[in-house]
Amino acid sequence: MENRHCAEDFEMENSADINRGELELWGAVLLQAIEDLQLRGPVFEVVMNGIKLKSRKEGITMRRNRNNAAAWFRSSSDDVGSFLWICDLFGLDADIVRAEIKKKILKPVG
């Protein structure tokens, strides 16, 4: 038998009884994923013969975290801890959150 969970599986009798620590944890997961998408390595500027060159140094861990966060946001899983589950927990429309992330974070660099 498959064990599936969604936010409504966890009874929350009223807002006063919600475990604040748990909500803060899941909120932090969402914010960390957004932060991971935004991460870019530091920019280094080098001036050579009066020409300013900029280079971005990005580590493997930073790139891996960004790729993992992007995959998490795209996932259709509704298991506990998934993007969809967290959106449901907070009453967020996952499609709107994804659209805002695409518009504000994943916009083309130009």
PDB file of N, CA and C in Angstrom:
ATOM      1  N   MET A   1       0.832  -1.175   0.000  1.00  0.00           N
ATOM      2  CA  MET A   1       0.000   0.000   0.000  1.00  0.00           C
ATOM      3  C   MET A   1       0.883   1.247   0.000  1.00  0.00           C
ATOM      4  N   GLU A   2       0.557   2.181  -0.882  1.00  0.00           N
ATOM      5  CA  GLU A   2       1.339   3.397  -1.001  1.00  0.00           C
ATOM      6  C   GLU A   2       0.972   4.366   0.116  1.00  0.00           C
ATOM      7  N   ASN A   3       1.972   4.935   0.736  1.00  0.00           N
ATOM      8  CA  ASN A   3       1.763   5.879   1.823  1.00  0.00           C
ATOM      9  C   ASN A   3       1.985   7.292   1.291  1.00  0.00           C
ATOM     10  N   ARG A   4       0.910   7.995   0.965  1.00  0.00           N
ATOM     11  CA  ARG A   4       0.992   9.338   0.411  1.00  0.00           C
ATOM     12  C   ARG A   4       0.489  10.330   1.455  1.00  0.00           C
ATOM     13  N   HIS A   5       1.062  11.496   1.445  1.00  0.00           N
ATOM     14  CA  HIS A   5       0.670  12.527   2.401  1.00  0.00           C
ATOM     15  C   HIS A   5       0.444  13.839   1.672  1.00  0.00           C
ATOM     16  N   CYS A   6      -0.434  14.625   2.173  1.00  0.00           N
ATOM     17  CA  CYS A   6      -0.584  15.999   1.730  1.00  0.00           C
ATOM     18  C   CYS A   6      -0.876  16.827   2.978  1.00  0.00           C
ATOM     19  N   ALA A   7      -0.866  18.119   2.848  1.00  0.00           N
ATOM     20  CA  ALA A   7      -0.985  18.981   4.023  1.00  0.00           C
ATOM     21  C   ALA A   7      -2.241  18.699   4.822  1.00  0.00           C
ATOM     22  N   GLU A   8      -3.362  18.351   4.137  1.00  0.00           N
ATOM     23  CA  GLU A   8      -4.574  18.127   4.915  1.00  0.00           C
ATOM     24  C   GLU A   8      -4.545  16.820   5.710  1.00  0.00           C
ATOM     25  N   ASP A   9      -3.548  15.952   5.491  1.00  0.00           N
ATOM     26  CA  ASP A   9      -3.405  14.742   6.290  1.00  0.00           C
ATOM     27  C   ASP A   9      -3.051  15.071   7.742  1.00  0.00           C
ATOM     28  N   PHE A  10      -2.522  16.251   7.975  1.00  0.00           N
ATOM     29  CA  PHE A  10      -2.101  16.638   9.304  1.00  0.00           C
ATOM     30  C   PHE A  10      -3.144  17.590   9.864  1.00  0.00           C
ATOM     31  N   GLU A  11      -3.895  17.096  10.833  1.00  0.00           N
ATOM     32  CA  GLU A  11      -4.990  17.889  11.379  1.00  0.00           C
ATOM     33  C   GLU A  11      -4.461  19.123  12.095  1.00  0.00           C
ATOM     34  N   MET A  12      -5.011  20.246  11.713  1.00  0.00           N
ATOM     35  CA  MET A  12      -4.703  21.492  12.378  1.00  0.00           C
ATOM     36  C   MET A  12      -6.040  22.046  12.849  1.00  0.00           C
ATOM     37  N   GLU A  13      -6.386  21.791  14.122  1.00  0.00           N
ATOM     38  CA  GLU A  13      -7.719  22.122  14.632  1.00  0.00           C
ATOM     39  C   GLU A  13      -8.028  23.610  14.526  1.00  0.00           C
ATOM     40  N   ASN A  14      -7.092  24.442  14.904  1.00  0.00           N
ATOM     41  CA  ASN A  14      -7.239  25.877  14.680  1.00  0.00           C
ATOM     42  C   ASN A  14      -5.850  26.489  14.640  1.00  0.00           C
ATOM     43  N   SER A  15      -5.788  27.713  14.179  1.00  0.00           N
ATOM     44  CA  SER A  15      -4.481  28.327  13.965  1.00  0.00           C
ATOM     45  C   SER A  15      -3.663  28.436  15.247  1.00  0.00           C
ATOM     46  N   ALA A  16      -4.310  28.489  16.408  1.00  0.00           N
ATOM     47  CA  ALA A  16      -3.581  28.581  17.672  1.00  0.00           C
ATOM     48  C   ALA A  16      -2.856  27.279  17.996  1.00  0.00           C
ATOM     49  N   ASP A  17      -3.347  26.161  17.437  1.00  0.00           N
ATOM     50  CA  ASP A  17      -2.750  24.861  17.730  1.00  0.00           C
ATOM     51  C   ASP A  17      -1.660  24.456  16.735  1.00  0.00           C
ATOM     52  N   ILE A  18      -1.458  25.241  15.697  1.00  0.00           N
ATOM     53  CA  ILE A  18      -0.439  24.896  14.706  1.00  0.00           C
ATOM     54  C   ILE A  18       0.930  24.995  15.357  1.00  0.00           C
ATOM     55  N   ASN A  19       1.742  24.006  15.104  1.00  0.00           N
ATOM     56  CA  ASN A  19       3.097  23.994  15.633  1.00  0.00           C
ATOM     57  C   ASN A  19       3.911  25.046  14.896  1.00  0.00           C
ATOM     58  N   ARG A  20       4.130  26.164  15.552  1.00  0.00           N
ATOM     59  CA  ARG A  20       4.828  27.298  14.930  1.00  0.00           C
ATOM     60  C   ARG A  20       6.225  26.907  14.450  1.00  0.00           C
ATOM     61  N   GLY A  21       6.913  26.111  15.230  1.00  0.00           N
ATOM     62  CA  GLY A  21       8.256  25.682  14.845  1.00  0.00           C
ATOM     63  C   GLY A  21       8.257  24.892  13.547  1.00  0.00           C
ATOM     64  N   GLU A  22       7.254  24.025  13.388  1.00  0.00           N
ATOM     65  CA  GLU A  22       7.156  23.234  12.167  1.00  0.00           C
ATOM     66  C   GLU A  22       6.868  24.131  10.959  1.00  0.00           C
ATOM     67  N   LEU A  23       5.968  25.083  11.127  1.00  0.00           N
ATOM     68  CA  LEU A  23       5.673  26.014  10.035  1.00  0.00           C
ATOM     69  C   LEU A  23       6.906  26.829   9.666  1.00  0.00           C
ATOM     70  N   GLU A  24       7.642  27.269  10.668  1.00  0.00           N
ATOM     71  CA  GLU A  24       8.868  28.031  10.398  1.00  0.00           C
ATOM     72  C   GLU A  24       9.891  27.183   9.658  1.00  0.00           C
ATOM     73  N   LEU A  25       9.981  25.910  10.029  1.00  0.00           N
ATOM     74  CA  LEU A  25      10.903  25.008   9.339  1.00  0.00           C
ATOM     75  C   LEU A  25      10.550  24.872   7.865  1.00  0.00           C
ATOM     76  N   TRP A  26       9.276  24.591   7.552  1.00  0.00           N
ATOM     77  CA  TRP A  26       8.878  24.418   6.153  1.00  0.00           C
ATOM     78  C   TRP A  26       8.968  25.728   5.387  1.00  0.00           C
ATOM     79  N   GLY A  27       8.718  26.840   6.058  1.00  0.00           N
ATOM     80  CA  GLY A  27       8.912  28.137   5.415  1.00  0.00           C
ATOM     81  C   GLY A  27      10.372  28.368   5.081  1.00  0.00           C
ATOM     82  N   ALA A  28      11.251  27.954   5.992  1.00  0.00           N
ATOM     83  CA  ALA A  28      12.692  28.093   5.756  1.00  0.00           C
ATOM     84  C   ALA A  28      13.152  27.220   4.594  1.00  0.00           C
ATOM     85  N   VAL A  29      12.552  26.041   4.443  1.00  0.00           N
ATOM     86  CA  VAL A  29      12.886  25.159   3.311  1.00  0.00           C
ATOM     87  C   VAL A  29      12.558  25.867   1.996  1.00  0.00           C
ATOM     88  N   LEU A  30      11.370  26.458   1.935  1.00  0.00           N
ATOM     89  CA  LEU A  30      10.959  27.178   0.727  1.00  0.00           C
ATOM     90  C   LEU A  30      11.887  28.356   0.445  1.00  0.00           C
ATOM     91  N   LEU A  31      12.188  29.138   1.466  1.00  0.00           N
ATOM     92  CA  LEU A  31      13.072  30.287   1.287  1.00  0.00           C
ATOM     93  C   LEU A  31      14.484  29.872   0.896  1.00  0.00           C
ATOM     94  N   GLN A  32      14.977  28.768   1.452  1.00  0.00           N
ATOM     95  CA  GLN A  32      16.313  28.296   1.100  1.00  0.00           C
ATOM     96  C   GLN A  32      16.371  27.866  -0.362  1.00  0.00           C
ATOM     97  N   ALA A  33      15.312  27.218  -0.832  1.00  0.00           N
ATOM     98  CA  ALA A  33      15.271  26.804  -2.241  1.00  0.00           C
ATOM     99  C   ALA A  33      15.273  28.024  -3.153  1.00  0.00           C
ATOM    100  N   ILE A  34      14.530  29.059  -2.777  1.00  0.00           N
ATOM    101  CA  ILE A  34      14.526  30.296  -3.565  1.00  0.00           C
ATOM    102  C   ILE A  34      15.921  30.919  -3.551  1.00  0.00           C
ATOM    103  N   GLU A  35      16.536  30.940  -2.385  1.00  0.00           N
ATOM    104  CA  GLU A  35      17.890  31.488  -2.259  1.00  0.00           C
ATOM    105  C   GLU A  35      18.887  30.690  -3.099  1.00  0.00           C
ATOM    106  N   ASP A  36      18.767  29.375  -3.078  1.00  0.00           N
ATOM    107  CA  ASP A  36      19.673  28.535  -3.865  1.00  0.00           C
ATOM    108  C   ASP A  36      19.543  28.817  -5.361  1.00  0.00           C
ATOM    109  N   LEU A  37      18.327  29.126  -5.814  1.00  0.00           N
ATOM    110  CA  LEU A  37      18.139  29.468  -7.225  1.00  0.00           C
ATOM    111  C   LEU A  37      18.829  30.773  -7.584  1.00  0.00           C
ATOM    112  N   GLN A  38      18.904  31.686  -6.645  1.00  0.00           N
ATOM    113  CA  GLN A  38      19.469  33.005  -6.906  1.00  0.00           C
ATOM    114  C   GLN A  38      20.991  33.034  -6.823  1.00  0.00           C
ATOM    115  N   LEU A  39      21.582  32.035  -6.216  1.00  0.00           N
ATOM    116  CA  LEU A  39      23.018  32.075  -5.971  1.00  0.00           C
ATOM    117  C   LEU A  39      23.831  32.086  -7.250  1.00  0.00           C
ATOM    118  N   ARG A  40      24.735  32.970  -7.291  1.00  0.00           N
ATOM    119  CA  ARG A  40      25.736  33.036  -8.344  1.00  0.00           C
ATOM    120  C   ARG A  40      27.053  33.296  -7.635  1.00  0.00           C
ATOM    121  N   GLY A  41      28.104  32.827  -8.201  1.00  0.00           N
ATOM    122  CA  GLY A  41      29.411  33.039  -7.576  1.00  0.00           C
ATOM    123  C   GLY A  41      29.783  34.513  -7.550  1.00  0.00           C
ATOM    124  N   PRO A  42      30.779  34.851  -6.745  1.00  0.00           N
ATOM    125  CA  PRO A  42      31.207  36.247  -6.662  1.00  0.00           C
ATOM    126  C   PRO A  42      31.809  36.711  -7.987  1.00  0.00           C
ATOM    127  N   VAL A  43      31.640  37.990  -8.262  1.00  0.00           N
ATOM    128  CA  VAL A  43      32.189  38.572  -9.484  1.00  0.00           C
ATOM    129  C   VAL A  43      33.572  39.119  -9.177  1.00  0.00           C
ATOM    130  N   PHE A  44      34.511  38.758 -10.018  1.00  0.00           N
ATOM    131  CA  PHE A  44      35.869  39.272  -9.904  1.00  0.00           C
ATOM    132  C   PHE A  44      36.109  40.240 -11.052  1.00  0.00           C
ATOM    133  N   GLU A  45      36.663  41.386 -10.731  1.00  0.00           N
ATOM    134  CA  GLU A  45      37.003  42.354 -11.763  1.00  0.00           C
ATOM    135  C   GLU A  45      38.510  42.417 -11.908  1.00  0.00           C
ATOM    136  N   VAL A  46      38.955  42.390 -13.134  1.00  0.00           N
ATOM    137  CA  VAL A  46      40.377  42.492 -13.432  1.00  0.00           C
ATOM    138  C   VAL A  46      40.530  43.593 -14.474  1.00  0.00           C
ATOM    139  N   VAL A  47      41.454  44.507 -14.228  1.00  0.00           N
ATOM    140  CA  VAL A  47      41.711  45.564 -15.193  1.00  0.00           C
ATOM    141  C   VAL A  47      43.022  45.245 -15.891  1.00  0.00           C
ATOM    142  N   MET A  48      42.919  45.101 -17.204  1.00  0.00           N
ATOM    143  CA  MET A  48      44.109  44.795 -18.015  1.00  0.00           C
ATOM    144  C   MET A  48      44.178  45.806 -19.149  1.00  0.00           C
ATOM    145  N   ASN A  49      45.272  46.572 -19.196  1.00  0.00           N
ATOM    146  CA  ASN A  49      45.462  47.587 -20.234  1.00  0.00           C
ATOM    147  C   ASN A  49      44.266  48.533 -20.326  1.00  0.00           C
ATOM    148  N   GLY A  50      43.745  48.936 -19.179  1.00  0.00           N
ATOM    149  CA  GLY A  50      42.631  49.868 -19.143  1.00  0.00           C
ATOM    150  C   GLY A  50      41.271  49.256 -19.450  1.00  0.00           C
ATOM    151  N   ILE A  51      41.220  47.948 -19.678  1.00  0.00           N
ATOM    152  CA  ILE A  51      39.954  47.269 -19.973  1.00  0.00           C
ATOM    153  C   ILE A  51      39.542  46.486 -18.743  1.00  0.00           C
ATOM    154  N   LYS A  52      38.316  46.734 -18.307  1.00  0.00           N
ATOM    155  CA  LYS A  52      37.805  46.052 -17.127  1.00  0.00           C
ATOM    156  C   LYS A  52      37.118  44.756 -17.559  1.00  0.00           C
ATOM    157  N   LEU A  53      37.586  43.643 -17.038  1.00  0.00           N
ATOM    158  CA  LEU A  53      37.012  42.331 -17.338  1.00  0.00           C
ATOM    159  C   LEU A  53      36.333  41.808 -16.082  1.00  0.00           C
ATOM    160  N   LYS A  54      35.178  41.224 -16.268  1.00  0.00           N
ATOM    161  CA  LYS A  54      34.457  40.634 -15.139  1.00  0.00           C
ATOM    162  C   LYS A  54      34.349  39.138 -15.358  1.00  0.00           C
ATOM    163  N   SER A  55      34.570  38.412 -14.287  1.00  0.00           N
ATOM    164  CA  SER A  55      34.465  36.961 -14.337  1.00  0.00           C
ATOM    165  C   SER A  55      33.697  36.504 -13.111  1.00  0.00           C
ATOM    166  N   ARG A  56      32.876  35.503 -13.280  1.00  0.00           N
ATOM    167  CA  ARG A  56      32.104  34.975 -12.163  1.00  0.00           C
ATOM    168  C   ARG A  56      32.664  33.600 -11.808  1.00  0.00           C
ATOM    169  N   LYS A  57      33.034  33.446 -10.558  1.00  0.00           N
ATOM    170  CA  LYS A  57      33.554  32.175 -10.063  1.00  0.00           C
ATOM    171  C   LYS A  57      32.423  31.433  -9.373  1.00  0.00           C
ATOM    172  N   GLU A  58      32.077  30.299  -9.914  1.00  0.00           N
ATOM    173  CA  GLU A  58      30.961  29.525  -9.367  1.00  0.00           C
ATOM    174  C   GLU A  58      31.459  28.130  -9.024  1.00  0.00           C
ATOM    175  N   GLY A  59      31.229  27.730  -7.796  1.00  0.00           N
ATOM    176  CA  GLY A  59      31.683  26.431  -7.355  1.00  0.00           C
ATOM    177  C   GLY A  59      30.717  25.314  -7.727  1.00  0.00           C
ATOM    178  N   ILE A  60      31.216  24.104  -7.668  1.00  0.00           N
ATOM    179  CA  ILE A  60      30.415  22.916  -7.991  1.00  0.00           C
ATOM    180  C   ILE A  60      29.236  22.785  -7.038  1.00  0.00           C
ATOM    181  N   THR A  61      29.469  23.033  -5.747  1.00  0.00           N
ATOM    182  CA  THR A  61      28.393  22.910  -4.760  1.00  0.00           C
ATOM    183  C   THR A  61      27.287  23.920  -5.035  1.00  0.00           C
ATOM    184  N   MET A  62      27.663  25.147  -5.356  1.00  0.00           N
ATOM    185  CA  MET A  62      26.683  26.180  -5.651  1.00  0.00           C
ATOM    186  C   MET A  62      25.844  25.804  -6.869  1.00  0.00           C
ATOM    187  N   ARG A  63      26.484  25.308  -7.903  1.00  0.00           N
ATOM    188  CA  ARG A  63      25.784  24.891  -9.127  1.00  0.00           C
ATOM    189  C   ARG A  63      24.856  23.713  -8.847  1.00  0.00           C
ATOM    190  N   ARG A  64      25.342  22.755  -8.049  1.00  0.00           N
ATOM    191  CA  ARG A  64      24.531  21.581  -7.694  1.00  0.00           C
ATOM    192  C   ARG A  64      23.304  21.998  -6.881  1.00  0.00           C
ATOM    193  N   ASN A  65      23.496  22.905  -5.909  1.00  0.00           N
ATOM    194  CA  ASN A  65      22.371  23.381  -5.100  1.00  0.00           C
ATOM    195  C   ASN A  65      21.334  24.085  -5.970  1.00  0.00           C
ATOM    196  N   ARG A  66      21.794  24.896  -6.921  1.00  0.00           N
ATOM    197  CA  ARG A  66      20.865  25.599  -7.805  1.00  0.00           C
ATOM    198  C   ARG A  66      20.094  24.613  -8.670  1.00  0.00           C
ATOM    199  N   ASN A  67      20.775  23.623  -9.216  1.00  0.00           N
ATOM    200  CA  ASN A  67      20.113  22.611 -10.044  1.00  0.00           C
ATOM    201  C   ASN A  67      19.116  21.788  -9.234  1.00  0.00           C
ATOM    202  N   ASN A  68      19.492  21.442  -8.013  1.00  0.00           N
ATOM    203  CA  ASN A  68      18.578  20.676  -7.153  1.00  0.00           C
ATOM    204  C   ASN A  68      17.339  21.499  -6.795  1.00  0.00           C
ATOM    205  N   ALA A  69      17.533  22.783  -6.501  1.00  0.00           N
ATOM    206  CA  ALA A  69      16.400  23.643  -6.180  1.00  0.00           C
ATOM    207  C   ALA A  69      15.473  23.782  -7.386  1.00  0.00           C
ATOM    208  N   ALA A  70      16.038  23.958  -8.573  1.00  0.00           N
ATOM    209  CA  ALA A  70      15.222  24.081  -9.784  1.00  0.00           C
ATOM    210  C   ALA A  70      14.407  22.810 -10.009  1.00  0.00           C
ATOM    211  N   ALA A  71      15.017  21.651  -9.797  1.00  0.00           N
ATOM    212  CA  ALA A  71      14.307  20.376  -9.964  1.00  0.00           C
ATOM    213  C   ALA A  71      13.199  20.245  -8.914  1.00  0.00           C
ATOM    214  N   TRP A  72      13.453  20.702  -7.693  1.00  0.00           N
ATOM    215  CA  TRP A  72      12.461  20.642  -6.617  1.00  0.00           C
ATOM    216  C   TRP A  72      11.242  21.489  -6.970  1.00  0.00           C
ATOM    217  N   PHE A  73      11.473  22.694  -7.499  1.00  0.00           N
ATOM    218  CA  PHE A  73      10.357  23.560  -7.890  1.00  0.00           C
ATOM    219  C   PHE A  73       9.562  22.969  -9.056  1.00  0.00           C
ATOM    220  N   ARG A  74      10.211  22.271  -9.965  1.00  0.00           N
ATOM    221  CA  ARG A  74       9.530  21.690 -11.134  1.00  0.00           C
ATOM    222  C   ARG A  74       8.809  20.383 -10.803  1.00  0.00           C
ATOM    223  N   SER A  75       9.147  19.760  -9.710  1.00  0.00           N
ATOM    224  CA  SER A  75       8.613  18.445  -9.363  1.00  0.00           C
ATOM    225  C   SER A  75       7.086  18.453  -9.243  1.00  0.00           C
ATOM    226  N   SER A  76       6.486  17.326  -9.639  1.00  0.00           N
ATOM    227  CA  SER A  76       5.033  17.167  -9.490  1.00  0.00           C
ATOM    228  C   SER A  76       4.687  16.336  -8.254  1.00  0.00           C
ATOM    229  N   SER A  77       5.688  16.008  -7.444  1.00  0.00           N
ATOM    230  CA  SER A  77       5.466  15.235  -6.221  1.00  0.00           C
ATOM    231  C   SER A  77       4.667  16.064  -5.217  1.00  0.00           C
ATOM    232  N   ASP A  78       3.777  15.381  -4.502  1.00  0.00           N
ATOM    233  CA  ASP A  78       3.060  16.056  -3.420  1.00  0.00           C
ATOM    234  C   ASP A  78       3.352  15.367  -2.080  1.00  0.00           C
ATOM    235  N   ASP A  79       4.475  14.679  -2.025  1.00  0.00           N
ATOM    236  CA  ASP A  79       4.897  14.031  -0.782  1.00  0.00           C
ATOM    237  C   ASP A  79       5.289  15.085   0.252  1.00  0.00           C
ATOM    238  N   VAL A  80       5.327  14.675   1.512  1.00  0.00           N
ATOM    239  CA  VAL A  80       5.729  15.569   2.593  1.00  0.00           C
ATOM    240  C   VAL A  80       7.099  16.169   2.263  1.00  0.00           C
ATOM    241  N   GLY A  81       7.187  17.492   2.361  1.00  0.00           N
ATOM    242  CA  GLY A  81       8.439  18.192   2.107  1.00  0.00           C
ATOM    243  C   GLY A  81       8.614  18.638   0.668  1.00  0.00           C
ATOM    244  N   SER A  82       7.727  18.203  -0.211  1.00  0.00           N
ATOM    245  CA  SER A  82       7.834  18.613  -1.618  1.00  0.00           C
ATOM    246  C   SER A  82       7.369  20.058  -1.765  1.00  0.00           C
ATOM    247  N   PHE A  83       7.712  20.663  -2.887  1.00  0.00           N
ATOM    248  CA  PHE A  83       7.278  22.021  -3.176  1.00  0.00           C
ATOM    249  C   PHE A  83       5.756  22.134  -3.143  1.00  0.00           C
ATOM    250  N   LEU A  84       5.064  21.211  -3.806  1.00  0.00           N
ATOM    251  CA  LEU A  84       3.599  21.259  -3.832  1.00  0.00           C
ATOM    252  C   LEU A  84       3.006  21.120  -2.439  1.00  0.00           C
ATOM    253  N   TRP A  85       3.574  20.236  -1.627  1.00  0.00           N
ATOM    254  CA  TRP A  85       3.086  20.024  -0.270  1.00  0.00           C
ATOM    255  C   TRP A  85       3.261  21.293   0.570  1.00  0.00           C
ATOM    256  N   ILE A  86       4.418  21.937   0.446  1.00  0.00           N
ATOM    257  CA  ILE A  86       4.673  23.158   1.216  1.00  0.00           C
ATOM    258  C   ILE A  86       3.732  24.275   0.767  1.00  0.00           C
ATOM    259  N   CYS A  87       3.519  24.393  -0.548  1.00  0.00           N
ATOM    260  CA  CYS A  87       2.559  25.401  -1.026  1.00  0.00           C
ATOM    261  C   CYS A  87       1.177  25.138  -0.440  1.00  0.00           C
ATOM    262  N   ASP A  88       0.765  23.876  -0.428  1.00  0.00           N
ATOM    263  CA  ASP A  88      -0.531  23.516   0.140  1.00  0.00           C
ATOM    264  C   ASP A  88      -0.588  23.852   1.627  1.00  0.00           C
ATOM    265  N   LEU A  89       0.474  23.581   2.334  1.00  0.00           N
ATOM    266  CA  LEU A  89       0.547  23.860   3.772  1.00  0.00           C
ATOM    267  C   LEU A  89       0.321  25.338   4.066  1.00  0.00           C
ATOM    268  N   PHE A  90       0.875  26.213   3.208  1.00  0.00           N
ATOM    269  CA  PHE A  90       0.771  27.651   3.419  1.00  0.00           C
ATOM    270  C   PHE A  90      -0.360  28.301   2.622  1.00  0.00           C
ATOM    271  N   GLY A  91      -1.126  27.489   1.901  1.00  0.00           N
ATOM    272  CA  GLY A  91      -2.226  28.040   1.122  1.00  0.00           C
ATOM    273  C   GLY A  91      -1.769  28.845  -0.079  1.00  0.00           C
ATOM    274  N   LEU A  92      -0.618  28.476  -0.648  1.00  0.00           N
ATOM    275  CA  LEU A  92      -0.069  29.173  -1.810  1.00  0.00           C
ATOM    276  C   LEU A  92      -0.445  28.437  -3.087  1.00  0.00           C
ATOM    277  N   ASP A  93      -0.675  29.174  -4.148  1.00  0.00           N
ATOM    278  CA  ASP A  93      -0.918  28.580  -5.458  1.00  0.00           C
ATOM    279  C   ASP A  93       0.445  28.281  -6.076  1.00  0.00           C
ATOM    280  N   ALA A  94       0.778  27.014  -6.221  1.00  0.00           N
ATOM    281  CA  ALA A  94       2.098  26.607  -6.708  1.00  0.00           C
ATOM    282  C   ALA A  94       2.391  27.172  -8.091  1.00  0.00           C
ATOM    283  N   ASP A  95       1.382  27.243  -8.961  1.00  0.00           N
ATOM    284  CA  ASP A  95       1.600  27.777 -10.308  1.00  0.00           C
ATOM    285  C   ASP A  95       1.980  29.254 -10.267  1.00  0.00           C
ATOM    286  N   ILE A  96       1.358  30.004  -9.372  1.00  0.00           N
ATOM    287  CA  ILE A  96       1.692  31.424  -9.243  1.00  0.00           C
ATOM    288  C   ILE A  96       3.097  31.592  -8.679  1.00  0.00           C
ATOM    289  N   VAL A  97       3.451  30.786  -7.676  1.00  0.00           N
ATOM    290  CA  VAL A  97       4.797  30.857  -7.099  1.00  0.00           C
ATOM    291  C   VAL A  97       5.828  30.535  -8.173  1.00  0.00           C
ATOM    292  N   ARG A  98       5.584  29.481  -8.935  1.00  0.00           N
ATOM    293  CA  ARG A  98       6.514  29.114 -10.014  1.00  0.00           C
ATOM    294  C   ARG A  98       6.635  30.236 -11.047  1.00  0.00           C
ATOM    295  N   ALA A  99       5.515  30.851 -11.411  1.00  0.00           N
ATOM    296  CA  ALA A  99       5.537  31.939 -12.396  1.00  0.00           C
ATOM    297  C   ALA A  99       6.346  33.128 -11.880  1.00  0.00           C
ATOM    298  N   GLU A 100       6.189  33.454 -10.602  1.00  0.00           N
ATOM    299  CA  GLU A 100       6.945  34.565 -10.015  1.00  0.00           C
ATOM    300  C   GLU A 100       8.429  34.255  -9.961  1.00  0.00           C
ATOM    301  N   ILE A 101       8.758  33.023  -9.631  1.00  0.00           N
ATOM    302  CA  ILE A 101      10.165  32.624  -9.597  1.00  0.00           C
ATOM    303  C   ILE A 101      10.761  32.723 -10.994  1.00  0.00           C
ATOM    304  N   LYS A 102      10.028  32.239 -11.985  1.00  0.00           N
ATOM    305  CA  LYS A 102      10.513  32.298 -13.358  1.00  0.00           C
ATOM    306  C   LYS A 102      10.707  33.747 -13.803  1.00  0.00           C
ATOM    307  N   LYS A 103       9.757  34.599 -13.455  1.00  0.00           N
ATOM    308  CA  LYS A 103       9.808  35.997 -13.882  1.00  0.00           C
ATOM    309  C   LYS A 103      10.914  36.763 -13.166  1.00  0.00           C
ATOM    310  N   LYS A 104      11.056  36.557 -11.864  1.00  0.00           N
ATOM    311  CA  LYS A 104      11.969  37.387 -11.080  1.00  0.00           C
ATOM    312  C   LYS A 104      13.359  36.799 -10.869  1.00  0.00           C
ATOM    313  N   ILE A 105      13.450  35.490 -10.847  1.00  0.00           N
ATOM    314  CA  ILE A 105      14.739  34.862 -10.528  1.00  0.00           C
ATOM    315  C   ILE A 105      15.385  34.245 -11.766  1.00  0.00           C
ATOM    316  N   LEU A 106      14.596  33.587 -12.574  1.00  0.00           N
ATOM    317  CA  LEU A 106      15.153  32.876 -13.716  1.00  0.00           C
ATOM    318  C   LEU A 106      15.073  33.697 -15.004  1.00  0.00           C
ATOM    319  N   LYS A 107      14.889  35.021 -14.857  1.00  0.00           N
ATOM    320  CA  LYS A 107      14.800  35.873 -16.040  1.00  0.00           C
ATOM    321  C   LYS A 107      16.126  35.837 -16.799  1.00  0.00           C
ATOM    322  N   PRO A 108      16.077  35.978 -18.121  1.00  0.00           N
ATOM    323  CA  PRO A 108      17.310  35.949 -18.900  1.00  0.00           C
ATOM    324  C   PRO A 108      18.225  37.111 -18.515  1.00  0.00           C
ATOM    325  N   VAL A 109      19.502  36.821 -18.434  1.00  0.00           N
ATOM    326  CA  VAL A 109      20.490  37.849 -18.127  1.00  0.00           C
ATOM    327  C   VAL A 109      20.811  38.574 -19.416  1.00  0.00           C
ATOM    328  N   GLY A 110      20.700  39.903 -19.393  1.00  0.00           N
ATOM    329  CA  GLY A 110      20.926  40.617 -20.634  1.00  0.00           C
ATOM    330  C   GLY A 110      21.662  41.849 -20.517  1.00  0.00           C
TER     331      GLY A 110
END
